[in-house]
Amino acid sequence: MPPAKSSFVCLPCRASYKQPGGGEKPRRCPRCAGTLIHAGAAFAAPRRRDTAAWRTLSVLLNAGVRFHMGCSTGSGYRPRTLSEVKERMVHAERTGEPFASALVRPELP
């Protein structure tokens, strides 16, 4: 069986590449030669011209949130809009919850 492929993202180019293997070694973007970020196997890239979705994705990836497959749940909840990200940022600051865990929380109390 061939090795599983995982997604790697270049935020400046707004590009995603499926490559075999995990994120153990640094990978380079074929367009700009910048470092690719390992996004996970369950990642689906937004359209290149959708700037709001790429900003949201940038916040998620820079906070350490990845899109790995779960047994039956997939990668779980991820915010899709900047307003959802802002709500979770305010919640994290107010409660002291780590930013990465507040971002993947499906509902806010």
PDB file of N, CA and C in Angstrom:
ATOM      1  N   MET A   1       0.845  -1.174   0.000  1.00  0.00           N
ATOM      2  CA  MET A   1       0.000   0.000   0.000  1.00  0.00           C
ATOM      3  C   MET A   1       0.895   1.243   0.000  1.00  0.00           C
ATOM      4  N   PRO A   2       0.579   2.258  -0.817  1.00  0.00           N
ATOM      5  CA  PRO A   2       1.413   3.464  -0.858  1.00  0.00           C
ATOM      6  C   PRO A   2       1.287   4.256   0.438  1.00  0.00           C
ATOM      7  N   PRO A   3       2.307   5.060   0.760  1.00  0.00           N
ATOM      8  CA  PRO A   3       2.238   5.848   1.990  1.00  0.00           C
ATOM      9  C   PRO A   3       1.129   6.894   1.912  1.00  0.00           C
ATOM     10  N   ALA A   4       0.550   7.201   3.056  1.00  0.00           N
ATOM     11  CA  ALA A   4      -0.528   8.187   3.106  1.00  0.00           C
ATOM     12  C   ALA A   4       0.019   9.571   2.792  1.00  0.00           C
ATOM     13  N   LYS A   5      -0.804  10.395   2.154  1.00  0.00           N
ATOM     14  CA  LYS A   5      -0.391  11.758   1.830  1.00  0.00           C
ATOM     15  C   LYS A   5      -1.010  12.724   2.830  1.00  0.00           C
ATOM     16  N   SER A   6      -0.292  13.783   3.081  1.00  0.00           N
ATOM     17  CA  SER A   6      -0.720  14.798   4.015  1.00  0.00           C
ATOM     18  C   SER A   6      -0.592  16.155   3.334  1.00  0.00           C
ATOM     19  N   SER A   7      -1.339  17.151   3.790  1.00  0.00           N
ATOM     20  CA  SER A   7      -1.317  18.473   3.184  1.00  0.00           C
ATOM     21  C   SER A   7      -0.277  19.365   3.840  1.00  0.00           C
ATOM     22  N   PHE A   8       0.396  20.129   3.002  1.00  0.00           N
ATOM     23  CA  PHE A   8       1.361  21.134   3.432  1.00  0.00           C
ATOM     24  C   PHE A   8       0.940  22.452   2.798  1.00  0.00           C
ATOM     25  N   VAL A   9       0.984  23.545   3.575  1.00  0.00           N
ATOM     26  CA  VAL A   9       0.442  24.825   3.141  1.00  0.00           C
ATOM     27  C   VAL A   9       1.522  25.894   3.112  1.00  0.00           C
ATOM     28  N   CYS A  10       1.486  26.735   2.070  1.00  0.00           N
ATOM     29  CA  CYS A  10       2.308  27.939   1.997  1.00  0.00           C
ATOM     30  C   CYS A  10       1.345  29.118   2.121  1.00  0.00           C
ATOM     31  N   LEU A  11       1.391  29.818   3.250  1.00  0.00           N
ATOM     32  CA  LEU A  11       0.464  30.923   3.485  1.00  0.00           C
ATOM     33  C   LEU A  11       0.712  32.119   2.560  1.00  0.00           C
ATOM     34  N   PRO A  12       1.974  32.543   2.321  1.00  0.00           N
ATOM     35  CA  PRO A  12       2.166  33.682   1.413  1.00  0.00           C
ATOM     36  C   PRO A  12       1.668  33.420  -0.015  1.00  0.00           C
ATOM     37  N   CYS A  13       1.821  32.198  -0.503  1.00  0.00           N
ATOM     38  CA  CYS A  13       1.378  31.856  -1.865  1.00  0.00           C
ATOM     39  C   CYS A  13      -0.094  31.447  -1.910  1.00  0.00           C
ATOM     40  N   ARG A  14      -0.677  31.198  -0.752  1.00  0.00           N
ATOM     41  CA  ARG A  14      -2.044  30.661  -0.655  1.00  0.00           C
ATOM     42  C   ARG A  14      -2.168  29.384  -1.477  1.00  0.00           C
ATOM     43  N   ALA A  15      -1.271  28.449  -1.190  1.00  0.00           N
ATOM     44  CA  ALA A  15      -1.236  27.193  -1.931  1.00  0.00           C
ATOM     45  C   ALA A  15      -1.125  26.018  -0.969  1.00  0.00           C
ATOM     46  N   SER A  16      -1.688  24.888  -1.390  1.00  0.00           N
ATOM     47  CA  SER A  16      -1.640  23.665  -0.601  1.00  0.00           C
ATOM     48  C   SER A  16      -1.110  22.549  -1.485  1.00  0.00           C
ATOM     49  N   TYR A  17      -0.273  21.690  -0.898  1.00  0.00           N
ATOM     50  CA  TYR A  17       0.327  20.583  -1.638  1.00  0.00           C
ATOM     51  C   TYR A  17       0.169  19.302  -0.846  1.00  0.00           C
ATOM     52  N   LYS A  18      -0.280  18.241  -1.515  1.00  0.00           N
ATOM     53  CA  LYS A  18      -0.344  16.917  -0.901  1.00  0.00           C
ATOM     54  C   LYS A  18       0.982  16.221  -1.153  1.00  0.00           C
ATOM     55  N   GLN A  19       1.615  15.770  -0.069  1.00  0.00           N
ATOM     56  CA  GLN A  19       2.890  15.084  -0.191  1.00  0.00           C
ATOM     57  C   GLN A  19       2.893  13.877   0.735  1.00  0.00           C
ATOM     58  N   PRO A  20       3.613  12.828   0.360  1.00  0.00           N
ATOM     59  CA  PRO A  20       3.664  11.658   1.236  1.00  0.00           C
ATOM     60  C   PRO A  20       4.427  11.949   2.517  1.00  0.00           C
ATOM     61  N   GLY A  21       4.055  11.243   3.566  1.00  0.00           N
ATOM     62  CA  GLY A  21       4.765  11.372   4.839  1.00  0.00           C
ATOM     63  C   GLY A  21       4.164  12.420   5.741  1.00  0.00           C
ATOM     64  N   GLY A  22       4.725  12.518   6.928  1.00  0.00           N
ATOM     65  CA  GLY A  22       4.257  13.468   7.921  1.00  0.00           C
ATOM     66  C   GLY A  22       5.060  14.748   7.898  1.00  0.00           C
ATOM     67  N   GLY A  23       5.025  15.481   9.004  1.00  0.00           N
ATOM     68  CA  GLY A  23       5.686  16.773   9.074  1.00  0.00           C
ATOM     69  C   GLY A  23       7.015  16.729   9.784  1.00  0.00           C
ATOM     70  N   GLU A  24       7.745  15.604   9.693  1.00  0.00           N
ATOM     71  CA  GLU A  24       8.996  15.474  10.444  1.00  0.00           C
ATOM     72  C   GLU A  24      10.154  16.262   9.843  1.00  0.00           C
ATOM     73  N   LYS A  25      10.180  16.459   8.539  1.00  0.00           N
ATOM     74  CA  LYS A  25      11.273  17.224   7.939  1.00  0.00           C
ATOM     75  C   LYS A  25      10.706  18.483   7.283  1.00  0.00           C
ATOM     76  N   PRO A  26      11.466  19.588   7.292  1.00  0.00           N
ATOM     77  CA  PRO A  26      10.958  20.824   6.679  1.00  0.00           C
ATOM     78  C   PRO A  26      10.822  20.672   5.170  1.00  0.00           C
ATOM     79  N   ARG A  27       9.742  21.194   4.648  1.00  0.00           N
ATOM     80  CA  ARG A  27       9.477  21.138   3.202  1.00  0.00           C
ATOM     81  C   ARG A  27       9.467  22.555   2.652  1.00  0.00           C
ATOM     82  N   ARG A  28       9.799  22.698   1.387  1.00  0.00           N
ATOM     83  CA  ARG A  28       9.882  23.997   0.729  1.00  0.00           C
ATOM     84  C   ARG A  28       8.774  24.153  -0.306  1.00  0.00           C
ATOM     85  N   CYS A  29       8.256  25.354  -0.400  1.00  0.00           N
ATOM     86  CA  CYS A  29       7.227  25.682  -1.387  1.00  0.00           C
ATOM     87  C   CYS A  29       7.863  25.715  -2.777  1.00  0.00           C
ATOM     88  N   PRO A  30       7.262  25.050  -3.757  1.00  0.00           N
ATOM     89  CA  PRO A  30       7.826  25.076  -5.101  1.00  0.00           C
ATOM     90  C   PRO A  30       7.693  26.434  -5.790  1.00  0.00           C
ATOM     91  N   ARG A  31       6.798  27.297  -5.291  1.00  0.00           N
ATOM     92  CA  ARG A  31       6.598  28.606  -5.915  1.00  0.00           C
ATOM     93  C   ARG A  31       7.544  29.666  -5.366  1.00  0.00           C
ATOM     94  N   CYS A  32       7.672  29.746  -4.016  1.00  0.00           N
ATOM     95  CA  CYS A  32       8.446  30.835  -3.409  1.00  0.00           C
ATOM     96  C   CYS A  32       9.650  30.350  -2.606  1.00  0.00           C
ATOM     97  N   ALA A  33       9.812  29.049  -2.456  1.00  0.00           N
ATOM     98  CA  ALA A  33      10.893  28.423  -1.690  1.00  0.00           C
ATOM     99  C   ALA A  33      10.792  28.705  -0.197  1.00  0.00           C
ATOM    100  N   GLY A  34       9.635  29.180   0.261  1.00  0.00           N
ATOM    101  CA  GLY A  34       9.408  29.363   1.692  1.00  0.00           C
ATOM    102  C   GLY A  34       9.102  28.036   2.364  1.00  0.00           C
ATOM    103  N   THR A  35       9.088  28.030   3.675  1.00  0.00           N
ATOM    104  CA  THR A  35       8.808  26.805   4.422  1.00  0.00           C
ATOM    105  C   THR A  35       7.311  26.510   4.409  1.00  0.00           C
ATOM    106  N   LEU A  36       6.969  25.257   4.128  1.00  0.00           N
ATOM    107  CA  LEU A  36       5.576  24.814   4.154  1.00  0.00           C
ATOM    108  C   LEU A  36       5.189  24.418   5.572  1.00  0.00           C
ATOM    109  N   ILE A  37       3.931  24.646   5.917  1.00  0.00           N
ATOM    110  CA  ILE A  37       3.392  24.269   7.222  1.00  0.00           C
ATOM    111  C   ILE A  37       2.603  22.976   7.055  1.00  0.00           C
ATOM    112  N   HIS A  38       2.869  21.997   7.907  1.00  0.00           N
ATOM    113  CA  HIS A  38       2.139  20.730   7.863  1.00  0.00           C
ATOM    114  C   HIS A  38       0.731  20.971   8.400  1.00  0.00           C
ATOM    115  N   ALA A  39      -0.284  20.794   7.549  1.00  0.00           N
ATOM    116  CA  ALA A  39      -1.671  21.064   7.938  1.00  0.00           C
ATOM    117  C   ALA A  39      -2.412  19.805   8.352  1.00  0.00           C
ATOM    118  N   GLY A  40      -2.018  18.637   7.872  1.00  0.00           N
ATOM    119  CA  GLY A  40      -2.683  17.396   8.231  1.00  0.00           C
ATOM    120  C   GLY A  40      -3.389  16.759   7.053  1.00  0.00           C
ATOM    121  N   ALA A  41      -3.822  15.534   7.248  1.00  0.00           N
ATOM    122  CA  ALA A  41      -4.426  14.766   6.155  1.00  0.00           C
ATOM    123  C   ALA A  41      -5.863  15.178   5.860  1.00  0.00           C
ATOM    124  N   ALA A  42      -6.574  15.756   6.827  1.00  0.00           N
ATOM    125  CA  ALA A  42      -7.978  16.106   6.634  1.00  0.00           C
ATOM    126  C   ALA A  42      -8.163  17.552   6.174  1.00  0.00           C
ATOM    127  N   PHE A  43      -7.091  18.216   5.770  1.00  0.00           N
ATOM    128  CA  PHE A  43      -7.155  19.619   5.376  1.00  0.00           C
ATOM    129  C   PHE A  43      -7.743  19.783   3.986  1.00  0.00           C
ATOM    130  N   ALA A  44      -8.622  20.780   3.845  1.00  0.00           N
ATOM    131  CA  ALA A  44      -9.170  21.156   2.540  1.00  0.00           C
ATOM    132  C   ALA A  44      -8.906  22.644   2.358  1.00  0.00           C
ATOM    133  N   ALA A  45      -8.132  22.996   1.357  1.00  0.00           N
ATOM    134  CA  ALA A  45      -7.720  24.386   1.151  1.00  0.00           C
ATOM    135  C   ALA A  45      -8.866  25.232   0.601  1.00  0.00           C
ATOM    136  N   PRO A  46      -8.963  26.481   1.073  1.00  0.00           N
ATOM    137  CA  PRO A  46      -9.947  27.396   0.477  1.00  0.00           C
ATOM    138  C   PRO A  46      -9.468  27.873  -0.894  1.00  0.00           C
ATOM    139  N   ARG A  47     -10.340  28.518  -1.634  1.00  0.00           N
ATOM    140  CA  ARG A  47      -9.943  29.072  -2.929  1.00  0.00           C
ATOM    141  C   ARG A  47      -8.882  30.151  -2.725  1.00  0.00           C
ATOM    142  N   ARG A  48      -8.000  30.280  -3.677  1.00  0.00           N
ATOM    143  CA  ARG A  48      -6.868  31.211  -3.543  1.00  0.00           C
ATOM    144  C   ARG A  48      -7.337  32.663  -3.384  1.00  0.00           C
ATOM    145  N   ARG A  49      -8.435  33.043  -4.004  1.00  0.00           N
ATOM    146  CA  ARG A  49      -8.877  34.441  -3.920  1.00  0.00           C
ATOM    147  C   ARG A  49      -9.739  34.741  -2.698  1.00  0.00           C
ATOM    148  N   ASP A  50     -10.038  33.743  -1.880  1.00  0.00           N
ATOM    149  CA  ASP A  50     -10.841  33.930  -0.668  1.00  0.00           C
ATOM    150  C   ASP A  50      -9.927  34.394   0.480  1.00  0.00           C
ATOM    151  N   THR A  51      -9.681  35.704   0.541  1.00  0.00           N
ATOM    152  CA  THR A  51      -8.713  36.244   1.499  1.00  0.00           C
ATOM    153  C   THR A  51      -9.155  36.056   2.945  1.00  0.00           C
ATOM    154  N   ALA A  52     -10.447  36.156   3.222  1.00  0.00           N
ATOM    155  CA  ALA A  52     -10.925  35.987   4.596  1.00  0.00           C
ATOM    156  C   ALA A  52     -10.681  34.562   5.083  1.00  0.00           C
ATOM    157  N   ALA A  53     -10.913  33.586   4.236  1.00  0.00           N
ATOM    158  CA  ALA A  53     -10.678  32.191   4.627  1.00  0.00           C
ATOM    159  C   ALA A  53      -9.190  31.934   4.857  1.00  0.00           C
ATOM    160  N   TRP A  54      -8.320  32.538   4.047  1.00  0.00           N
ATOM    161  CA  TRP A  54      -6.877  32.346   4.233  1.00  0.00           C
ATOM    162  C   TRP A  54      -6.389  33.051   5.489  1.00  0.00           C
ATOM    163  N   ARG A  55      -7.000  34.200   5.851  1.00  0.00           N
ATOM    164  CA  ARG A  55      -6.640  34.852   7.113  1.00  0.00           C
ATOM    165  C   ARG A  55      -7.033  33.982   8.298  1.00  0.00           C
ATOM    166  N   THR A  56      -8.225  33.407   8.229  1.00  0.00           N
ATOM    167  CA  THR A  56      -8.683  32.500   9.284  1.00  0.00           C
ATOM    168  C   THR A  56      -7.752  31.307   9.384  1.00  0.00           C
ATOM    169  N   LEU A  57      -7.399  30.726   8.258  1.00  0.00           N
ATOM    170  CA  LEU A  57      -6.490  29.587   8.231  1.00  0.00           C
ATOM    171  C   LEU A  57      -5.124  29.954   8.792  1.00  0.00           C
ATOM    172  N   SER A  58      -4.652  31.143   8.489  1.00  0.00           N
ATOM    173  CA  SER A  58      -3.368  31.604   9.003  1.00  0.00           C
ATOM    174  C   SER A  58      -3.371  31.665  10.529  1.00  0.00           C
ATOM    175  N   VAL A  59      -4.448  32.176  11.100  1.00  0.00           N
ATOM    176  CA  VAL A  59      -4.556  32.232  12.561  1.00  0.00           C
ATOM    177  C   VAL A  59      -4.543  30.824  13.141  1.00  0.00           C
ATOM    178  N   LEU A  60      -5.301  29.909  12.535  1.00  0.00           N
ATOM    179  CA  LEU A  60      -5.363  28.536  13.031  1.00  0.00           C
ATOM    180  C   LEU A  60      -4.005  27.851  12.979  1.00  0.00           C
ATOM    181  N   LEU A  61      -3.341  27.919  11.828  1.00  0.00           N
ATOM    182  CA  LEU A  61      -2.060  27.227  11.678  1.00  0.00           C
ATOM    183  C   LEU A  61      -0.973  27.836  12.560  1.00  0.00           C
ATOM    184  N   ASN A  62      -0.955  29.161  12.688  1.00  0.00           N
ATOM    185  CA  ASN A  62       0.040  29.803  13.541  1.00  0.00           C
ATOM    186  C   ASN A  62      -0.212  29.554  15.025  1.00  0.00           C
ATOM    187  N   ALA A  63      -1.459  29.210  15.392  1.00  0.00           N
ATOM    188  CA  ALA A  63      -1.767  28.860  16.779  1.00  0.00           C
ATOM    189  C   ALA A  63      -1.456  27.397  17.071  1.00  0.00           C
ATOM    190  N   GLY A  64      -1.109  26.635  16.039  1.00  0.00           N
ATOM    191  CA  GLY A  64      -0.770  25.230  16.242  1.00  0.00           C
ATOM    192  C   GLY A  64      -1.906  24.262  15.994  1.00  0.00           C
ATOM    193  N   VAL A  65      -3.023  24.747  15.476  1.00  0.00           N
ATOM    194  CA  VAL A  65      -4.173  23.889  15.183  1.00  0.00           C
ATOM    195  C   VAL A  65      -3.923  23.200  13.853  1.00  0.00           C
ATOM    196  N   ARG A  66      -4.090  21.878  13.818  1.00  0.00           N
ATOM    197  CA  ARG A  66      -3.885  21.101  12.603  1.00  0.00           C
ATOM    198  C   ARG A  66      -5.150  20.332  12.239  1.00  0.00           C
ATOM    199  N   PHE A  67      -5.180  19.746  11.069  1.00  0.00           N
ATOM    200  CA  PHE A  67      -6.348  19.060  10.531  1.00  0.00           C
ATOM    201  C   PHE A  67      -6.039  17.581  10.351  1.00  0.00           C
ATOM    202  N   HIS A  68      -5.852  16.872  11.444  1.00  0.00           N
ATOM    203  CA  HIS A  68      -5.557  15.445  11.394  1.00  0.00           C
ATOM    204  C   HIS A  68      -6.853  14.652  11.465  1.00  0.00           C
ATOM    205  N   MET A  69      -6.831  13.481  10.853  1.00  0.00           N
ATOM    206  CA  MET A  69      -8.005  12.613  10.846  1.00  0.00           C
ATOM    207  C   MET A  69      -8.164  11.930  12.190  1.00  0.00           C
ATOM    208  N   GLY A  70      -9.411  11.887  12.676  1.00  0.00           N
ATOM    209  CA  GLY A  70      -9.731  11.115  13.867  1.00  0.00           C
ATOM    210  C   GLY A  70     -10.318   9.784  13.445  1.00  0.00           C
ATOM    211  N   CYS A  71     -10.558   8.909  14.389  1.00  0.00           N
ATOM    212  CA  CYS A  71     -11.104   7.588  14.066  1.00  0.00           C
ATOM    213  C   CYS A  71     -12.457   7.699  13.381  1.00  0.00           C
ATOM    214  N   SER A  72     -13.383   8.419  13.986  1.00  0.00           N
ATOM    215  CA  SER A  72     -14.709   8.517  13.398  1.00  0.00           C
ATOM    216  C   SER A  72     -15.184   9.953  13.288  1.00  0.00           C
ATOM    217  N   THR A  73     -14.440  10.900  13.833  1.00  0.00           N
ATOM    218  CA  THR A  73     -14.930  12.272  13.882  1.00  0.00           C
ATOM    219  C   THR A  73     -14.260  13.191  12.884  1.00  0.00           C
ATOM    220  N   GLY A  74     -13.298  12.728  12.128  1.00  0.00           N
ATOM    221  CA  GLY A  74     -12.555  13.620  11.249  1.00  0.00           C
ATOM    222  C   GLY A  74     -11.647  14.502  12.078  1.00  0.00           C
ATOM    223  N   SER A  75     -11.431  15.723  11.638  1.00  0.00           N
ATOM    224  CA  SER A  75     -10.530  16.597  12.383  1.00  0.00           C
ATOM    225  C   SER A  75     -11.246  17.393  13.457  1.00  0.00           C
ATOM    226  N   GLY A  76     -12.570  17.306  13.542  1.00  0.00           N
ATOM    227  CA  GLY A  76     -13.316  18.037  14.559  1.00  0.00           C
ATOM    228  C   GLY A  76     -13.651  19.445  14.094  1.00  0.00           C
ATOM    229  N   TYR A  77     -14.163  20.256  15.023  1.00  0.00           N
ATOM    230  CA  TYR A  77     -14.588  21.611  14.690  1.00  0.00           C
ATOM    231  C   TYR A  77     -13.388  22.519  14.448  1.00  0.00           C
ATOM    232  N   ARG A  78     -13.477  23.366  13.438  1.00  0.00           N
ATOM    233  CA  ARG A  78     -12.511  24.425  13.165  1.00  0.00           C
ATOM    234  C   ARG A  78     -13.305  25.653  12.743  1.00  0.00           C
ATOM    235  N   PRO A  79     -12.986  26.853  13.266  1.00  0.00           N
ATOM    236  CA  PRO A  79     -13.713  28.054  12.841  1.00  0.00           C
ATOM    237  C   PRO A  79     -13.500  28.326  11.358  1.00  0.00           C
ATOM    238  N   ARG A  80     -14.537  28.820  10.698  1.00  0.00           N
ATOM    239  CA  ARG A  80     -14.459  29.062   9.260  1.00  0.00           C
ATOM    240  C   ARG A  80     -14.431  30.547   8.908  1.00  0.00           C
ATOM    241  N   THR A  81     -14.801  31.406   9.871  1.00  0.00           N
ATOM    242  CA  THR A  81     -14.838  32.839   9.597  1.00  0.00           C
ATOM    243  C   THR A  81     -14.004  33.596  10.621  1.00  0.00           C
ATOM    244  N   LEU A  82     -13.636  34.822  10.263  1.00  0.00           N
ATOM    245  CA  LEU A  82     -12.871  35.651  11.186  1.00  0.00           C
ATOM    246  C   LEU A  82     -13.676  36.024  12.421  1.00  0.00           C
ATOM    247  N   SER A  83     -14.995  36.155  12.271  1.00  0.00           N
ATOM    248  CA  SER A  83     -15.822  36.496  13.440  1.00  0.00           C
ATOM    249  C   SER A  83     -15.822  35.348  14.453  1.00  0.00           C
ATOM    250  N   GLU A  84     -15.836  34.108  13.989  1.00  0.00           N
ATOM    251  CA  GLU A  84     -15.750  32.965  14.910  1.00  0.00           C
ATOM    252  C   GLU A  84     -14.395  32.936  15.609  1.00  0.00           C
ATOM    253  N   VAL A  85     -13.329  33.285  14.888  1.00  0.00           N
ATOM    254  CA  VAL A  85     -11.994  33.332  15.482  1.00  0.00           C
ATOM    255  C   VAL A  85     -11.945  34.420  16.550  1.00  0.00           C
ATOM    256  N   LYS A  86     -12.495  35.603  16.238  1.00  0.00           N
ATOM    257  CA  LYS A  86     -12.488  36.708  17.197  1.00  0.00           C
ATOM    258  C   LYS A  86     -13.265  36.370  18.455  1.00  0.00           C
ATOM    259  N   GLU A  87     -14.418  35.711  18.303  1.00  0.00           N
ATOM    260  CA  GLU A  87     -15.202  35.294  19.475  1.00  0.00           C
ATOM    261  C   GLU A  87     -14.381  34.375  20.374  1.00  0.00           C
ATOM    262  N   ARG A  88     -13.675  33.445  19.776  1.00  0.00           N
ATOM    263  CA  ARG A  88     -12.880  32.496  20.555  1.00  0.00           C
ATOM    264  C   ARG A  88     -11.649  33.156  21.171  1.00  0.00           C
ATOM    265  N   MET A  89     -11.097  34.168  20.499  1.00  0.00           N
ATOM    266  CA  MET A  89      -9.978  34.914  21.075  1.00  0.00           C
ATOM    267  C   MET A  89     -10.423  35.671  22.327  1.00  0.00           C
ATOM    268  N   VAL A  90     -11.584  36.299  22.245  1.00  0.00           N
ATOM    269  CA  VAL A  90     -12.123  37.025  23.405  1.00  0.00           C
ATOM    270  C   VAL A  90     -12.394  36.053  24.543  1.00  0.00           C
ATOM    271  N   HIS A  91     -12.968  34.900  24.232  1.00  0.00           N
ATOM    272  CA  HIS A  91     -13.240  33.885  25.253  1.00  0.00           C
ATOM    273  C   HIS A  91     -11.942  33.404  25.905  1.00  0.00           C
ATOM    274  N   ALA A  92     -10.906  33.177  25.107  1.00  0.00           N
ATOM    275  CA  ALA A  92      -9.628  32.704  25.646  1.00  0.00           C
ATOM    276  C   ALA A  92      -9.000  33.749  26.563  1.00  0.00           C
ATOM    277  N   GLU A  93      -9.057  35.014  26.175  1.00  0.00           N
ATOM    278  CA  GLU A  93      -8.499  36.073  27.019  1.00  0.00           C
ATOM    279  C   GLU A  93      -9.285  36.232  28.315  1.00  0.00           C
ATOM    280  N   ARG A  94     -10.593  36.112  28.219  1.00  0.00           N
ATOM    281  CA  ARG A  94     -11.454  36.300  29.387  1.00  0.00           C
ATOM    282  C   ARG A  94     -11.310  35.174  30.399  1.00  0.00           C
ATOM    283  N   THR A  95     -11.180  33.931  29.913  1.00  0.00           N
ATOM    284  CA  THR A  95     -11.162  32.778  30.814  1.00  0.00           C
ATOM    285  C   THR A  95      -9.762  32.263  31.116  1.00  0.00           C
ATOM    286  N   GLY A  96      -8.774  32.673  30.327  1.00  0.00           N
ATOM    287  CA  GLY A  96      -7.424  32.159  30.520  1.00  0.00           C
ATOM    288  C   GLY A  96      -7.190  30.814  29.858  1.00  0.00           C
ATOM    289  N   GLU A  97      -8.136  30.365  29.068  1.00  0.00           N
ATOM    290  CA  GLU A  97      -7.994  29.095  28.332  1.00  0.00           C
ATOM    291  C   GLU A  97      -6.926  29.268  27.246  1.00  0.00           C
ATOM    292  N   PRO A  98      -6.114  28.259  26.993  1.00  0.00           N
ATOM    293  CA  PRO A  98      -5.126  28.369  25.911  1.00  0.00           C
ATOM    294  C   PRO A  98      -5.814  28.674  24.581  1.00  0.00           C
ATOM    295  N   PHE A  99      -5.156  29.497  23.791  1.00  0.00           N
ATOM    296  CA  PHE A  99      -5.735  29.973  22.538  1.00  0.00           C
ATOM    297  C   PHE A  99      -6.066  28.827  21.581  1.00  0.00           C
ATOM    298  N   ALA A 100      -5.164  27.852  21.449  1.00  0.00           N
ATOM    299  CA  ALA A 100      -5.385  26.734  20.519  1.00  0.00           C
ATOM    300  C   ALA A 100      -6.603  25.904  20.916  1.00  0.00           C
ATOM    301  N   SER A 101      -6.801  25.677  22.205  1.00  0.00           N
ATOM    302  CA  SER A 101      -7.964  24.876  22.621  1.00  0.00           C
ATOM    303  C   SER A 101      -9.260  25.676  22.503  1.00  0.00           C
ATOM    304  N   ALA A 102      -9.194  27.005  22.665  1.00  0.00           N
ATOM    305  CA  ALA A 102     -10.395  27.825  22.478  1.00  0.00           C
ATOM    306  C   ALA A 102     -10.808  27.855  21.013  1.00  0.00           C
ATOM    307  N   LEU A 103      -9.841  27.780  20.112  1.00  0.00           N
ATOM    308  CA  LEU A 103     -10.168  27.811  18.680  1.00  0.00           C
ATOM    309  C   LEU A 103     -10.903  26.560  18.223  1.00  0.00           C
ATOM    310  N   VAL A 104     -10.631  25.412  18.819  1.00  0.00           N
ATOM    311  CA  VAL A 104     -11.284  24.175  18.375  1.00  0.00           C
ATOM    312  C   VAL A 104     -12.521  23.839  19.203  1.00  0.00           C
ATOM    313  N   ARG A 105     -12.920  24.729  20.087  1.00  0.00           N
ATOM    314  CA  ARG A 105     -14.132  24.519  20.898  1.00  0.00           C
ATOM    315  C   ARG A 105     -15.360  24.741  20.007  1.00  0.00           C
ATOM    316  N   PRO A 106     -16.259  23.736  19.882  1.00  0.00           N
ATOM    317  CA  PRO A 106     -17.420  23.888  18.989  1.00  0.00           C
ATOM    318  C   PRO A 106     -18.393  24.969  19.435  1.00  0.00           C
ATOM    319  N   GLU A 107     -18.600  25.077  20.738  1.00  0.00           N
ATOM    320  CA  GLU A 107     -19.541  26.088  21.255  1.00  0.00           C
ATOM    321  C   GLU A 107     -18.891  26.819  22.414  1.00  0.00           C
ATOM    322  N   LEU A 108     -19.219  28.088  22.501  1.00  0.00           N
ATOM    323  CA  LEU A 108     -18.715  28.870  23.626  1.00  0.00           C
ATOM    324  C   LEU A 108     -19.762  28.886  24.738  1.00  0.00           C
ATOM    325  N   PRO A 109     -19.307  28.852  26.001  1.00  0.00           N
ATOM    326  CA  PRO A 109     -20.295  28.881  27.113  1.00  0.00           C
ATOM    327  C   PRO A 109     -20.945  30.240  27.247  1.00  0.00           C
TER     328      PRO A 109
END
